[in-house]
């Protein structure tokens, strides 16, 4: 009999879409949290620091995920640039900026996931 403690919800997103992961007790995988990592542009709501230093609503950004592992690494998880966050107010401008850089810098036929895997961090900010 397992001694694995059963959590009722994910401590990060609050969802109940959990499954055991790993061979040891206490390892759980949240399928809801993983969803943002498999989108072209995945957004995870969080509090971020606004221009005046106050905490405001915003997003942690994951880029270039894929359901079929087509991101170049084979995992399907998008690229997470350390510290890449945006305020909710700045989100539309951020998305437009990244998509314009993708349009200008991609190779013919290159997917967004493949481009984000090889792009410089400055192109993703």
PDB file of N, CA and C in Angstrom:
ATOM      1  N   UNK A   1       0.838  -1.182   0.000  1.00  0.00           N
ATOM      2  CA  UNK A   1       0.000   0.000   0.000  1.00  0.00           C
ATOM      3  C   UNK A   1       0.883   1.245   0.000  1.00  0.00           C
ATOM      4  N   UNK A   2       0.519   2.214  -0.812  1.00  0.00           N
ATOM      5  CA  UNK A   2       1.289   3.450  -0.938  1.00  0.00           C
ATOM      6  C   UNK A   2       1.032   4.365   0.252  1.00  0.00           C
ATOM      7  N   UNK A   3       2.073   5.093   0.615  1.00  0.00           N
ATOM      8  CA  UNK A   3       1.929   6.096   1.664  1.00  0.00           C
ATOM      9  C   UNK A   3       1.888   7.495   1.059  1.00  0.00           C
ATOM     10  N   UNK A   4       1.695   7.549  -0.264  1.00  0.00           N
ATOM     11  CA  UNK A   4       1.670   8.818  -0.984  1.00  0.00           C
ATOM     12  C   UNK A   4       0.503   9.674  -0.483  1.00  0.00           C
ATOM     13  N   UNK A   5       0.813  10.875  -0.007  1.00  0.00           N
ATOM     14  CA  UNK A   5      -0.229  11.798   0.427  1.00  0.00           C
ATOM     15  C   UNK A   5      -0.949  12.340  -0.803  1.00  0.00           C
ATOM     16  N   UNK A   6      -2.241  12.407  -0.733  1.00  0.00           N
ATOM     17  CA  UNK A   6      -3.029  12.866  -1.872  1.00  0.00           C
ATOM     18  C   UNK A   6      -3.367  14.338  -1.694  1.00  0.00           C
ATOM     19  N   UNK A   7      -2.821  15.196  -2.556  1.00  0.00           N
ATOM     20  CA  UNK A   7      -3.187  16.614  -2.472  1.00  0.00           C
ATOM     21  C   UNK A   7      -4.576  16.830  -3.081  1.00  0.00           C
ATOM     22  N   UNK A   8      -5.275  17.820  -2.591  1.00  0.00           N
ATOM     23  CA  UNK A   8      -6.605  18.118  -3.109  1.00  0.00           C
ATOM     24  C   UNK A   8      -6.549  19.070  -4.299  1.00  0.00           C
ATOM     25  N   UNK A   9      -5.497  19.878  -4.379  1.00  0.00           N
ATOM     26  CA  UNK A   9      -5.378  20.846  -5.470  1.00  0.00           C
ATOM     27  C   UNK A   9      -3.906  21.201  -5.666  1.00  0.00           C
ATOM     28  N   UNK A  10      -3.597  21.730  -6.839  1.00  0.00           N
ATOM     29  CA  UNK A  10      -2.235  22.168  -7.152  1.00  0.00           C
ATOM     30  C   UNK A  10      -1.916  23.432  -6.342  1.00  0.00           C
ATOM     31  N   UNK A  11      -0.787  23.479  -5.669  1.00  0.00           N
ATOM     32  CA  UNK A  11      -0.460  24.675  -4.889  1.00  0.00           C
ATOM     33  C   UNK A  11      -0.119  25.882  -5.758  1.00  0.00           C
ATOM     34  N   UNK A  12       0.107  25.687  -7.051  1.00  0.00           N
ATOM     35  CA  UNK A  12       0.482  26.783  -7.945  1.00  0.00           C
ATOM     36  C   UNK A  12      -0.719  27.397  -8.655  1.00  0.00           C
ATOM     37  N   UNK A  13      -1.606  26.539  -9.199  1.00  0.00           N
ATOM     38  CA  UNK A  13      -2.729  27.076  -9.979  1.00  0.00           C
ATOM     39  C   UNK A  13      -4.081  26.841  -9.323  1.00  0.00           C
ATOM     40  N   UNK A  14      -4.151  25.969  -8.320  1.00  0.00           N
ATOM     41  CA  UNK A  14      -5.395  25.719  -7.622  1.00  0.00           C
ATOM     42  C   UNK A  14      -6.304  24.683  -8.271  1.00  0.00           C
ATOM     43  N   UNK A  15      -5.906  24.164  -9.432  1.00  0.00           N
ATOM     44  CA  UNK A  15      -6.724  23.165 -10.121  1.00  0.00           C
ATOM     45  C   UNK A  15      -6.604  21.800  -9.437  1.00  0.00           C
ATOM     46  N   UNK A  16      -7.523  20.913  -9.735  1.00  0.00           N
ATOM     47  CA  UNK A  16      -7.541  19.573  -9.142  1.00  0.00           C
ATOM     48  C   UNK A  16      -7.134  18.502 -10.144  1.00  0.00           C
ATOM     49  N   UNK A  17      -6.537  18.880 -11.254  1.00  0.00           N
ATOM     50  CA  UNK A  17      -6.168  17.970 -12.341  1.00  0.00           C
ATOM     51  C   UNK A  17      -4.771  17.382 -12.079  1.00  0.00           C
ATOM     52  N   UNK A  18      -4.647  16.587 -11.026  1.00  0.00           N
ATOM     53  CA  UNK A  18      -3.355  16.054 -10.586  1.00  0.00           C
ATOM     54  C   UNK A  18      -3.239  14.563 -10.859  1.00  0.00           C
ATOM     55  N   UNK A  19      -2.009  14.109 -11.081  1.00  0.00           N
ATOM     56  CA  UNK A  19      -1.743  12.677 -11.223  1.00  0.00           C
ATOM     57  C   UNK A  19      -0.385  12.390 -10.585  1.00  0.00           C
ATOM     58  N   UNK A  20      -0.198  11.180 -10.056  1.00  0.00           N
ATOM     59  CA  UNK A  20       1.104  10.833  -9.463  1.00  0.00           C
ATOM     60  C   UNK A  20       2.208  10.895 -10.517  1.00  0.00           C
ATOM     61  N   UNK A  21       3.385  11.326 -10.093  1.00  0.00           N
ATOM     62  CA  UNK A  21       4.545  11.373 -10.976  1.00  0.00           C
ATOM     63  C   UNK A  21       5.757  10.913 -10.187  1.00  0.00           C
ATOM     64  N   UNK A  22       6.550  10.078 -10.784  1.00  0.00           N
ATOM     65  CA  UNK A  22       7.749   9.599 -10.107  1.00  0.00           C
ATOM     66  C   UNK A  22       7.463   8.419  -9.203  1.00  0.00           C
ATOM     67  N   UNK A  23       8.529   7.799  -8.752  1.00  0.00           N
ATOM     68  CA  UNK A  23       8.408   6.580  -7.960  1.00  0.00           C
ATOM     69  C   UNK A  23       8.317   6.849  -6.467  1.00  0.00           C
ATOM     70  N   UNK A  24       8.647   8.065  -6.044  1.00  0.00           N
ATOM     71  CA  UNK A  24       8.639   8.343  -4.611  1.00  0.00           C
ATOM     72  C   UNK A  24       7.369   9.077  -4.214  1.00  0.00           C
ATOM     73  N   UNK A  25       7.040   8.992  -2.959  1.00  0.00           N
ATOM     74  CA  UNK A  25       5.860   9.674  -2.447  1.00  0.00           C
ATOM     75  C   UNK A  25       6.033  11.190  -2.562  1.00  0.00           C
ATOM     76  N   UNK A  26       4.934  11.863  -2.759  1.00  0.00           N
ATOM     77  CA  UNK A  26       4.958  13.323  -2.756  1.00  0.00           C
ATOM     78  C   UNK A  26       5.220  13.966  -4.103  1.00  0.00           C
ATOM     79  N   UNK A  27       5.398  13.177  -5.157  1.00  0.00           N
ATOM     80  CA  UNK A  27       5.621  13.758  -6.477  1.00  0.00           C
ATOM     81  C   UNK A  27       4.324  13.732  -7.258  1.00  0.00           C
ATOM     82  N   UNK A  28       3.853  14.909  -7.637  1.00  0.00           N
ATOM     83  CA  UNK A  28       2.601  15.038  -8.370  1.00  0.00           C
ATOM     84  C   UNK A  28       2.816  15.920  -9.579  1.00  0.00           C
ATOM     85  N   UNK A  29       2.064  15.655 -10.626  1.00  0.00           N
ATOM     86  CA  UNK A  29       2.125  16.414 -11.869  1.00  0.00           C
ATOM     87  C   UNK A  29       0.766  17.066 -12.076  1.00  0.00           C
ATOM     88  N   UNK A  30       0.761  18.366 -12.310  1.00  0.00           N
ATOM     89  CA  UNK A  30      -0.482  19.087 -12.551  1.00  0.00           C
ATOM     90  C   UNK A  30      -0.650  19.266 -14.062  1.00  0.00           C
ATOM     91  N   UNK A  31      -1.647  18.631 -14.612  1.00  0.00           N
ATOM     92  CA  UNK A  31      -1.878  18.742 -16.059  1.00  0.00           C
ATOM     93  C   UNK A  31      -2.348  20.143 -16.433  1.00  0.00           C
ATOM     94  N   UNK A  32      -2.971  20.859 -15.532  1.00  0.00           N
ATOM     95  CA  UNK A  32      -3.398  22.228 -15.841  1.00  0.00           C
ATOM     96  C   UNK A  32      -2.197  23.155 -15.988  1.00  0.00           C
ATOM     97  N   UNK A  33      -1.219  23.030 -15.111  1.00  0.00           N
ATOM     98  CA  UNK A  33      -0.029  23.867 -15.217  1.00  0.00           C
ATOM     99  C   UNK A  33       0.750  23.562 -16.495  1.00  0.00           C
ATOM    100  N   UNK A  34       0.754  22.302 -16.913  1.00  0.00           N
ATOM    101  CA  UNK A  34       1.496  21.917 -18.112  1.00  0.00           C
ATOM    102  C   UNK A  34       0.876  22.487 -19.378  1.00  0.00           C
ATOM    103  N   UNK A  35      -0.394  22.816 -19.351  1.00  0.00           N
ATOM    104  CA  UNK A  35      -1.064  23.321 -20.554  1.00  0.00           C
ATOM    105  C   UNK A  35      -0.428  24.592 -21.091  1.00  0.00           C
ATOM    106  N   UNK A  36      -0.003  25.471 -20.228  1.00  0.00           N
ATOM    107  CA  UNK A  36       0.590  26.719 -20.711  1.00  0.00           C
ATOM    108  C   UNK A  36       1.922  26.473 -21.399  1.00  0.00           C
ATOM    109  N   UNK A  37       2.564  25.355 -21.078  1.00  0.00           N
ATOM    110  CA  UNK A  37       3.869  25.052 -21.661  1.00  0.00           C
ATOM    111  C   UNK A  37       3.770  24.395 -23.027  1.00  0.00           C
ATOM    112  N   UNK A  38       2.573  24.043 -23.465  1.00  0.00           N
ATOM    113  CA  UNK A  38       2.415  23.398 -24.759  1.00  0.00           C
ATOM    114  C   UNK A  38       1.693  24.294 -25.765  1.00  0.00           C
ATOM    115  N   UNK A  39       1.537  25.559 -25.464  1.00  0.00           N
ATOM    116  CA  UNK A  39       0.892  26.504 -26.373  1.00  0.00           C
ATOM    117  C   UNK A  39       1.950  27.300 -27.131  1.00  0.00           C
ATOM    118  N   UNK A  40       1.572  27.851 -28.294  1.00  0.00           N
ATOM    119  CA  UNK A  40       2.497  28.742 -28.991  1.00  0.00           C
ATOM    120  C   UNK A  40       2.901  29.890 -28.072  1.00  0.00           C
ATOM    121  N   UNK A  41       1.912  30.518 -27.476  1.00  0.00           N
ATOM    122  CA  UNK A  41       2.162  31.560 -26.478  1.00  0.00           C
ATOM    123  C   UNK A  41       1.329  31.180 -25.259  1.00  0.00           C
ATOM    124  N   UNK A  42       1.993  30.649 -24.236  1.00  0.00           N
ATOM    125  CA  UNK A  42       1.318  30.215 -23.020  1.00  0.00           C
ATOM    126  C   UNK A  42       1.415  31.272 -21.948  1.00  0.00           C
ATOM    127  N   UNK A  43       0.298  31.548 -21.312  1.00  0.00           N
ATOM    128  CA  UNK A  43       0.238  32.587 -20.286  1.00  0.00           C
ATOM    129  C   UNK A  43      -0.236  31.997 -18.969  1.00  0.00           C
ATOM    130  N   UNK A  44       0.524  32.255 -17.932  1.00  0.00           N
ATOM    131  CA  UNK A  44       0.146  31.821 -16.584  1.00  0.00           C
ATOM    132  C   UNK A  44      -0.076  33.074 -15.752  1.00  0.00           C
ATOM    133  N   UNK A  45      -1.293  33.278 -15.299  1.00  0.00           N
ATOM    134  CA  UNK A  45      -1.609  34.461 -14.519  1.00  0.00           C
ATOM    135  C   UNK A  45      -0.818  34.531 -13.235  1.00  0.00           C
ATOM    136  N   UNK A  46      -0.331  35.714 -12.923  1.00  0.00           N
ATOM    137  CA  UNK A  46       0.417  35.916 -11.688  1.00  0.00           C
ATOM    138  C   UNK A  46       0.459  37.408 -11.370  1.00  0.00           C
ATOM    139  N   UNK A  47       0.914  37.706 -10.184  1.00  0.00           N
ATOM    140  CA  UNK A  47       1.176  39.103  -9.851  1.00  0.00           C
ATOM    141  C   UNK A  47       2.581  39.432 -10.331  1.00  0.00           C
ATOM    142  N   UNK A  48       2.730  40.583 -10.955  1.00  0.00           N
ATOM    143  CA  UNK A  48       4.036  41.030 -11.435  1.00  0.00           C
ATOM    144  C   UNK A  48       4.260  42.448 -10.946  1.00  0.00           C
ATOM    145  N   UNK A  49       5.491  42.883 -11.014  1.00  0.00           N
ATOM    146  CA  UNK A  49       5.817  44.235 -10.596  1.00  0.00           C
ATOM    147  C   UNK A  49       5.532  45.202 -11.736  1.00  0.00           C
ATOM    148  N   UNK A  50       4.708  46.178 -11.464  1.00  0.00           N
ATOM    149  CA  UNK A  50       4.365  47.179 -12.469  1.00  0.00           C
ATOM    150  C   UNK A  50       5.429  48.255 -12.561  1.00  0.00           C
ATOM    151  N   UNK A  51       5.254  49.209 -13.469  1.00  0.00           N
ATOM    152  CA  UNK A  51       6.246  50.268 -13.682  1.00  0.00           C
ATOM    153  C   UNK A  51       6.525  51.111 -12.441  1.00  0.00           C
ATOM    154  N   UNK A  52       5.529  51.232 -11.557  1.00  0.00           N
ATOM    155  CA  UNK A  52       5.713  52.039 -10.345  1.00  0.00           C
ATOM    156  C   UNK A  52       6.186  51.218  -9.153  1.00  0.00           C
ATOM    157  N   UNK A  53       6.470  49.915  -9.389  1.00  0.00           N
ATOM    158  CA  UNK A  53       6.968  49.049  -8.321  1.00  0.00           C
ATOM    159  C   UNK A  53       5.883  48.319  -7.551  1.00  0.00           C
ATOM    160  N   UNK A  54       4.630  48.635  -7.818  1.00  0.00           N
ATOM    161  CA  UNK A  54       3.517  47.970  -7.134  1.00  0.00           C
ATOM    162  C   UNK A  54       3.184  46.652  -7.830  1.00  0.00           C
ATOM    163  N   UNK A  55       2.611  45.709  -7.083  1.00  0.00           N
ATOM    164  CA  UNK A  55       2.181  44.436  -7.644  1.00  0.00           C
ATOM    165  C   UNK A  55       0.877  44.646  -8.416  1.00  0.00           C
ATOM    166  N   UNK A  56       0.873  44.162  -9.670  1.00  0.00           N
ATOM    167  CA  UNK A  56      -0.311  44.283 -10.527  1.00  0.00           C
ATOM    168  C   UNK A  56      -0.566  42.937 -11.195  1.00  0.00           C
ATOM    169  N   UNK A  57      -1.767  42.788 -11.766  1.00  0.00           N
ATOM    170  CA  UNK A  57      -2.080  41.555 -12.483  1.00  0.00           C
ATOM    171  C   UNK A  57      -1.233  41.455 -13.735  1.00  0.00           C
ATOM    172  N   UNK A  58      -0.755  40.240 -14.007  1.00  0.00           N
ATOM    173  CA  UNK A  58       0.081  40.039 -15.180  1.00  0.00           C
ATOM    174  C   UNK A  58       0.208  38.568 -15.504  1.00  0.00           C
ATOM    175  N   UNK A  59       1.246  38.242 -16.275  1.00  0.00           N
ATOM    176  CA  UNK A  59       1.424  36.894 -16.770  1.00  0.00           C
ATOM    177  C   UNK A  59       2.893  36.500 -16.814  1.00  0.00           C
ATOM    178  N   UNK A  60       3.154  35.223 -16.519  1.00  0.00           N
ATOM    179  CA  UNK A  60       4.432  34.592 -16.805  1.00  0.00           C
ATOM    180  C   UNK A  60       4.255  34.004 -18.199  1.00  0.00           C
ATOM    181  N   UNK A  61       5.257  34.165 -19.078  1.00  0.00           N
ATOM    182  CA  UNK A  61       5.111  33.801 -20.483  1.00  0.00           C
ATOM    183  C   UNK A  61       5.971  32.598 -20.835  1.00  0.00           C
ATOM    184  N   UNK A  62       5.373  31.620 -21.512  1.00  0.00           N
ATOM    185  CA  UNK A  62       6.075  30.476 -22.106  1.00  0.00           C
ATOM    186  C   UNK A  62       5.852  30.564 -23.611  1.00  0.00           C
ATOM    187  N   UNK A  63       6.879  30.347 -24.395  1.00  0.00           N
ATOM    188  CA  UNK A  63       6.769  30.506 -25.843  1.00  0.00           C
ATOM    189  C   UNK A  63       7.138  29.241 -26.596  1.00  0.00           C
ATOM    190  N   UNK A  64       6.396  28.941 -27.649  1.00  0.00           N
ATOM    191  CA  UNK A  64       6.772  27.911 -28.609  1.00  0.00           C
ATOM    192  C   UNK A  64       6.530  26.479 -28.209  1.00  0.00           C
ATOM    193  N   UNK A  65       5.531  26.210 -27.419  1.00  0.00           N
ATOM    194  CA  UNK A  65       5.222  24.829 -27.074  1.00  0.00           C
ATOM    195  C   UNK A  65       4.516  24.115 -28.216  1.00  0.00           C
ATOM    196  N   UNK A  66       4.347  22.823 -28.057  1.00  0.00           N
ATOM    197  CA  UNK A  66       3.710  22.027 -29.099  1.00  0.00           C
ATOM    198  C   UNK A  66       3.167  20.752 -28.483  1.00  0.00           C
ATOM    199  N   UNK A  67       2.042  20.297 -28.974  1.00  0.00           N
ATOM    200  CA  UNK A  67       1.488  19.039 -28.480  1.00  0.00           C
ATOM    201  C   UNK A  67       2.224  17.827 -29.031  1.00  0.00           C
ATOM    202  N   UNK A  68       2.955  17.996 -30.124  1.00  0.00           N
ATOM    203  CA  UNK A  68       3.636  16.850 -30.732  1.00  0.00           C
ATOM    204  C   UNK A  68       5.148  16.888 -30.564  1.00  0.00           C
ATOM    205  N   UNK A  69       5.651  17.705 -29.661  1.00  0.00           N
ATOM    206  CA  UNK A  69       7.102  17.766 -29.446  1.00  0.00           C
ATOM    207  C   UNK A  69       7.836  18.508 -30.541  1.00  0.00           C
ATOM    208  N   UNK A  70       7.132  19.332 -31.308  1.00  0.00           N
ATOM    209  CA  UNK A  70       7.729  20.021 -32.436  1.00  0.00           C
ATOM    210  C   UNK A  70       8.477  21.287 -32.096  1.00  0.00           C
ATOM    211  N   UNK A  71       8.889  21.442 -30.858  1.00  0.00           N
ATOM    212  CA  UNK A  71       9.581  22.664 -30.456  1.00  0.00           C
ATOM    213  C   UNK A  71      11.086  22.581 -30.649  1.00  0.00           C
ATOM    214  N   UNK A  72      11.571  21.518 -31.232  1.00  0.00           N
ATOM    215  CA  UNK A  72      13.007  21.380 -31.441  1.00  0.00           C
ATOM    216  C   UNK A  72      13.689  20.567 -30.362  1.00  0.00           C
ATOM    217  N   UNK A  73      13.117  20.523 -29.168  1.00  0.00           N
ATOM    218  CA  UNK A  73      13.725  19.744 -28.089  1.00  0.00           C
ATOM    219  C   UNK A  73      13.079  18.372 -27.977  1.00  0.00           C
ATOM    220  N   UNK A  74      11.927  18.201 -28.607  1.00  0.00           N
ATOM    221  CA  UNK A  74      11.221  16.931 -28.552  1.00  0.00           C
ATOM    222  C   UNK A  74      10.305  16.783 -27.349  1.00  0.00           C
ATOM    223  N   UNK A  75      10.349  17.730 -26.425  1.00  0.00           N
ATOM    224  CA  UNK A  75       9.524  17.607 -25.224  1.00  0.00           C
ATOM    225  C   UNK A  75       8.116  18.118 -25.437  1.00  0.00           C
ATOM    226  N   UNK A  76       7.956  19.077 -26.329  1.00  0.00           N
ATOM    227  CA  UNK A  76       6.674  19.730 -26.510  1.00  0.00           C
ATOM    228  C   UNK A  76       6.496  20.937 -25.620  1.00  0.00           C
ATOM    229  N   UNK A  77       7.305  21.046 -24.562  1.00  0.00           N
ATOM    230  CA  UNK A  77       7.206  22.203 -23.683  1.00  0.00           C
ATOM    231  C   UNK A  77       7.865  23.400 -24.345  1.00  0.00           C
ATOM    232  N   UNK A  78       7.242  24.541 -24.189  1.00  0.00           N
ATOM    233  CA  UNK A  78       7.778  25.753 -24.785  1.00  0.00           C
ATOM    234  C   UNK A  78       9.022  26.243 -24.066  1.00  0.00           C
ATOM    235  N   UNK A  79       9.571  27.282 -24.633  1.00  0.00           N
ATOM    236  CA  UNK A  79      10.773  27.894 -24.073  1.00  0.00           C
ATOM    237  C   UNK A  79      10.356  28.886 -23.000  1.00  0.00           C
ATOM    238  N   UNK A  80      10.938  28.729 -21.849  1.00  0.00           N
ATOM    239  CA  UNK A  80      10.668  29.661 -20.754  1.00  0.00           C
ATOM    240  C   UNK A  80      11.907  30.524 -20.579  1.00  0.00           C
ATOM    241  N   UNK A  81      11.774  31.781 -20.906  1.00  0.00           N
ATOM    242  CA  UNK A  81      12.868  32.728 -20.713  1.00  0.00           C
ATOM    243  C   UNK A  81      12.788  33.191 -19.267  1.00  0.00           C
ATOM    244  N   UNK A  82      13.866  33.028 -18.548  1.00  0.00           N
ATOM    245  CA  UNK A  82      13.876  33.361 -17.124  1.00  0.00           C
ATOM    246  C   UNK A  82      13.418  34.807 -16.898  1.00  0.00           C
ATOM    247  N   UNK A  83      12.424  34.948 -16.055  1.00  0.00           N
ATOM    248  CA  UNK A  83      11.947  36.275 -15.694  1.00  0.00           C
ATOM    249  C   UNK A  83      11.062  36.935 -16.732  1.00  0.00           C
ATOM    250  N   UNK A  84      10.637  36.193 -17.760  1.00  0.00           N
ATOM    251  CA  UNK A  84       9.796  36.792 -18.799  1.00  0.00           C
ATOM    252  C   UNK A  84       8.366  36.898 -18.298  1.00  0.00           C
ATOM    253  N   UNK A  85       7.996  38.109 -17.917  1.00  0.00           N
ATOM    254  CA  UNK A  85       6.660  38.387 -17.401  1.00  0.00           C
ATOM    255  C   UNK A  85       6.199  39.698 -18.008  1.00  0.00           C
ATOM    256  N   UNK A  86       4.902  39.870 -18.064  1.00  0.00           N
ATOM    257  CA  UNK A  86       4.338  41.113 -18.562  1.00  0.00           C
ATOM    258  C   UNK A  86       3.099  41.450 -17.750  1.00  0.00           C
ATOM    259  N   UNK A  87       2.825  42.727 -17.643  1.00  0.00           N
ATOM    260  CA  UNK A  87       1.590  43.135 -16.981  1.00  0.00           C
ATOM    261  C   UNK A  87       0.424  42.849 -17.914  1.00  0.00           C
ATOM    262  N   UNK A  88      -0.762  42.721 -17.358  1.00  0.00           N
ATOM    263  CA  UNK A  88      -1.950  42.498 -18.176  1.00  0.00           C
ATOM    264  C   UNK A  88      -2.152  43.675 -19.132  1.00  0.00           C
ATOM    265  N   UNK A  89      -1.863  44.860 -18.669  1.00  0.00           N
ATOM    266  CA  UNK A  89      -2.017  46.055 -19.502  1.00  0.00           C
ATOM    267  C   UNK A  89      -1.059  46.044 -20.697  1.00  0.00           C
ATOM    268  N   UNK A  90       0.162  45.545 -20.505  1.00  0.00           N
ATOM    269  CA  UNK A  90       1.167  45.530 -21.572  1.00  0.00           C
ATOM    270  C   UNK A  90       1.108  44.295 -22.463  1.00  0.00           C
ATOM    271  N   UNK A  91       0.259  43.318 -22.123  1.00  0.00           N
ATOM    272  CA  UNK A  91       0.213  42.064 -22.868  1.00  0.00           C
ATOM    273  C   UNK A  91      -0.045  42.231 -24.371  1.00  0.00           C
ATOM    274  N   UNK A  92      -1.042  43.009 -24.800  1.00  0.00           N
ATOM    275  CA  UNK A  92      -1.267  43.134 -26.249  1.00  0.00           C
ATOM    276  C   UNK A  92      -0.044  43.650 -27.003  1.00  0.00           C
ATOM    277  N   UNK A  93       0.644  44.649 -26.450  1.00  0.00           N
ATOM    278  CA  UNK A  93       1.847  45.180 -27.105  1.00  0.00           C
ATOM    279  C   UNK A  93       2.956  44.139 -27.140  1.00  0.00           C
ATOM    280  N   UNK A  94       3.105  43.370 -26.057  1.00  0.00           N
ATOM    281  CA  UNK A  94       4.136  42.336 -26.013  1.00  0.00           C
ATOM    282  C   UNK A  94       3.888  41.274 -27.090  1.00  0.00           C
ATOM    283  N   UNK A  95       2.657  40.771 -27.176  1.00  0.00           N
ATOM    284  CA  UNK A  95       2.335  39.726 -28.154  1.00  0.00           C
ATOM    285  C   UNK A  95       2.570  40.243 -29.575  1.00  0.00           C
ATOM    286  N   UNK A  96       2.134  41.453 -29.851  1.00  0.00           N
ATOM    287  CA  UNK A  96       2.336  42.015 -31.188  1.00  0.00           C
ATOM    288  C   UNK A  96       3.828  42.149 -31.504  1.00  0.00           C
ATOM    289  N   UNK A  97       4.622  42.591 -30.557  1.00  0.00           N
ATOM    290  CA  UNK A  97       6.070  42.758 -30.748  1.00  0.00           C
ATOM    291  C   UNK A  97       6.738  41.417 -31.063  1.00  0.00           C
ATOM    292  N   UNK A  98       6.405  40.373 -30.298  1.00  0.00           N
ATOM    293  CA  UNK A  98       7.014  39.062 -30.527  1.00  0.00           C
ATOM    294  C   UNK A  98       6.578  38.489 -31.876  1.00  0.00           C
ATOM    295  N   UNK A  99       5.319  38.634 -32.225  1.00  0.00           N
ATOM    296  CA  UNK A  99       4.845  38.103 -33.498  1.00  0.00           C
ATOM    297  C   UNK A  99       5.450  38.844 -34.688  1.00  0.00           C
ATOM    298  N   UNK A 100       5.688  40.138 -34.552  1.00  0.00           N
ATOM    299  CA  UNK A 100       6.358  40.890 -35.625  1.00  0.00           C
ATOM    300  C   UNK A 100       7.811  40.420 -35.773  1.00  0.00           C
ATOM    301  N   UNK A 101       8.478  40.154 -34.658  1.00  0.00           N
ATOM    302  CA  UNK A 101       9.853  39.638 -34.715  1.00  0.00           C
ATOM    303  C   UNK A 101       9.889  38.252 -35.346  1.00  0.00           C
ATOM    304  N   UNK A 102       8.916  37.418 -35.024  1.00  0.00           N
ATOM    305  CA  UNK A 102       8.805  36.090 -35.630  1.00  0.00           C
ATOM    306  C   UNK A 102       8.610  36.218 -37.137  1.00  0.00           C
ATOM    307  N   UNK A 103       7.698  37.074 -37.533  1.00  0.00           N
ATOM    308  CA  UNK A 103       7.407  37.265 -38.952  1.00  0.00           C
ATOM    309  C   UNK A 103       8.650  37.743 -39.709  1.00  0.00           C
ATOM    310  N   UNK A 104       9.417  38.625 -39.088  1.00  0.00           N
ATOM    311  CA  UNK A 104      10.607  39.171 -39.740  1.00  0.00           C
ATOM    312  C   UNK A 104      11.797  38.214 -39.711  1.00  0.00           C
ATOM    313  N   UNK A 105      11.884  37.360 -38.685  1.00  0.00           N
ATOM    314  CA  UNK A 105      13.090  36.555 -38.507  1.00  0.00           C
ATOM    315  C   UNK A 105      12.983  35.077 -38.802  1.00  0.00           C
ATOM    316  N   UNK A 106      11.814  34.597 -39.133  1.00  0.00           N
ATOM    317  CA  UNK A 106      11.672  33.155 -39.355  1.00  0.00           C
ATOM    318  C   UNK A 106      12.175  32.749 -40.730  1.00  0.00           C
ATOM    319  N   UNK A 107      12.560  31.493 -40.810  1.00  0.00           N
ATOM    320  CA  UNK A 107      12.958  30.906 -42.081  1.00  0.00           C
ATOM    321  C   UNK A 107      11.698  30.462 -42.823  1.00  0.00           C
ATOM    322  N   UNK A 108      11.758  30.329 -44.153  1.00  0.00           N
ATOM    323  CA  UNK A 108      10.566  29.896 -44.892  1.00  0.00           C
ATOM    324  C   UNK A 108      10.015  28.572 -44.342  1.00  0.00           C
ATOM    325  N   UNK A 109       8.717  28.564 -44.038  1.00  0.00           N
ATOM    326  CA  UNK A 109       8.057  27.368 -43.534  1.00  0.00           C
ATOM    327  C   UNK A 109       8.323  27.048 -42.076  1.00  0.00           C
ATOM    328  N   UNK A 110       9.098  27.868 -41.385  1.00  0.00           N
ATOM    329  CA  UNK A 110       9.449  27.599 -39.986  1.00  0.00           C
ATOM    330  C   UNK A 110       8.265  27.882 -39.068  1.00  0.00           C
ATOM    331  N   UNK A 111       8.012  26.968 -38.146  1.00  0.00           N
ATOM    332  CA  UNK A 111       6.929  27.153 -37.185  1.00  0.00           C
ATOM    333  C   UNK A 111       7.355  28.124 -36.085  1.00  0.00           C
ATOM    334  N   UNK A 112       6.358  28.637 -35.379  1.00  0.00           N
ATOM    335  CA  UNK A 112       6.643  29.528 -34.258  1.00  0.00           C
ATOM    336  C   UNK A 112       7.475  28.805 -33.202  1.00  0.00           C
ATOM    337  N   UNK A 113       7.141  27.528 -32.946  1.00  0.00           N
ATOM    338  CA  UNK A 113       7.875  26.746 -31.942  1.00  0.00           C
ATOM    339  C   UNK A 113       9.343  26.601 -32.323  1.00  0.00           C
ATOM    340  N   UNK A 114       9.614  26.302 -33.581  1.00  0.00           N
ATOM    341  CA  UNK A 114      11.005  26.143 -34.027  1.00  0.00           C
ATOM    342  C   UNK A 114      11.742  27.471 -33.953  1.00  0.00           C
ATOM    343  N   UNK A 115      11.078  28.547 -34.320  1.00  0.00           N
ATOM    344  CA  UNK A 115      11.715  29.862 -34.260  1.00  0.00           C
ATOM    345  C   UNK A 115      12.068  30.239 -32.823  1.00  0.00           C
ATOM    346  N   UNK A 116      11.138  30.015 -31.882  1.00  0.00           N
ATOM    347  CA  UNK A 116      11.428  30.377 -30.493  1.00  0.00           C
ATOM    348  C   UNK A 116      12.564  29.546 -29.923  1.00  0.00           C
ATOM    349  N   UNK A 117      12.722  28.312 -30.389  1.00  0.00           N
ATOM    350  CA  UNK A 117      13.808  27.458 -29.893  1.00  0.00           C
ATOM    351  C   UNK A 117      15.174  28.002 -30.302  1.00  0.00           C
ATOM    352  N   UNK A 118      15.258  28.668 -31.452  1.00  0.00           N
ATOM    353  CA  UNK A 118      16.559  29.164 -31.918  1.00  0.00           C
ATOM    354  C   UNK A 118      16.727  30.677 -31.747  1.00  0.00           C
ATOM    355  N   UNK A 119      15.651  31.398 -31.431  1.00  0.00           N
ATOM    356  CA  UNK A 119      15.709  32.861 -31.315  1.00  0.00           C
ATOM    357  C   UNK A 119      16.577  33.289 -30.139  1.00  0.00           C
ATOM    358  N   UNK A 120      17.148  34.451 -30.253  1.00  0.00           N
ATOM    359  CA  UNK A 120      17.891  35.078 -29.156  1.00  0.00           C
ATOM    360  C   UNK A 120      16.893  35.550 -28.112  1.00  0.00           C
ATOM    361  N   UNK A 121      17.301  35.554 -26.863  1.00  0.00           N
ATOM    362  CA  UNK A 121      16.401  35.989 -25.792  1.00  0.00           C
ATOM    363  C   UNK A 121      15.862  37.396 -26.026  1.00  0.00           C
ATOM    364  N   UNK A 122      16.688  38.278 -26.566  1.00  0.00           N
ATOM    365  CA  UNK A 122      16.255  39.652 -26.805  1.00  0.00           C
ATOM    366  C   UNK A 122      15.076  39.697 -27.779  1.00  0.00           C
ATOM    367  N   UNK A 123      14.982  38.722 -28.696  1.00  0.00           N
ATOM    368  CA  UNK A 123      13.861  38.678 -29.642  1.00  0.00           C
ATOM    369  C   UNK A 123      12.570  38.221 -28.971  1.00  0.00           C
ATOM    370  N   UNK A 124      12.672  37.614 -27.811  1.00  0.00           N
ATOM    371  CA  UNK A 124      11.507  37.069 -27.117  1.00  0.00           C
ATOM    372  C   UNK A 124      11.017  37.976 -25.983  1.00  0.00           C
ATOM    373  N   UNK A 125      11.694  39.080 -25.771  1.00  0.00           N
ATOM    374  CA  UNK A 125      11.323  39.995 -24.680  1.00  0.00           C
ATOM    375  C   UNK A 125      10.613  41.222 -25.201  1.00  0.00           C
TER     376      UNK A 125
END
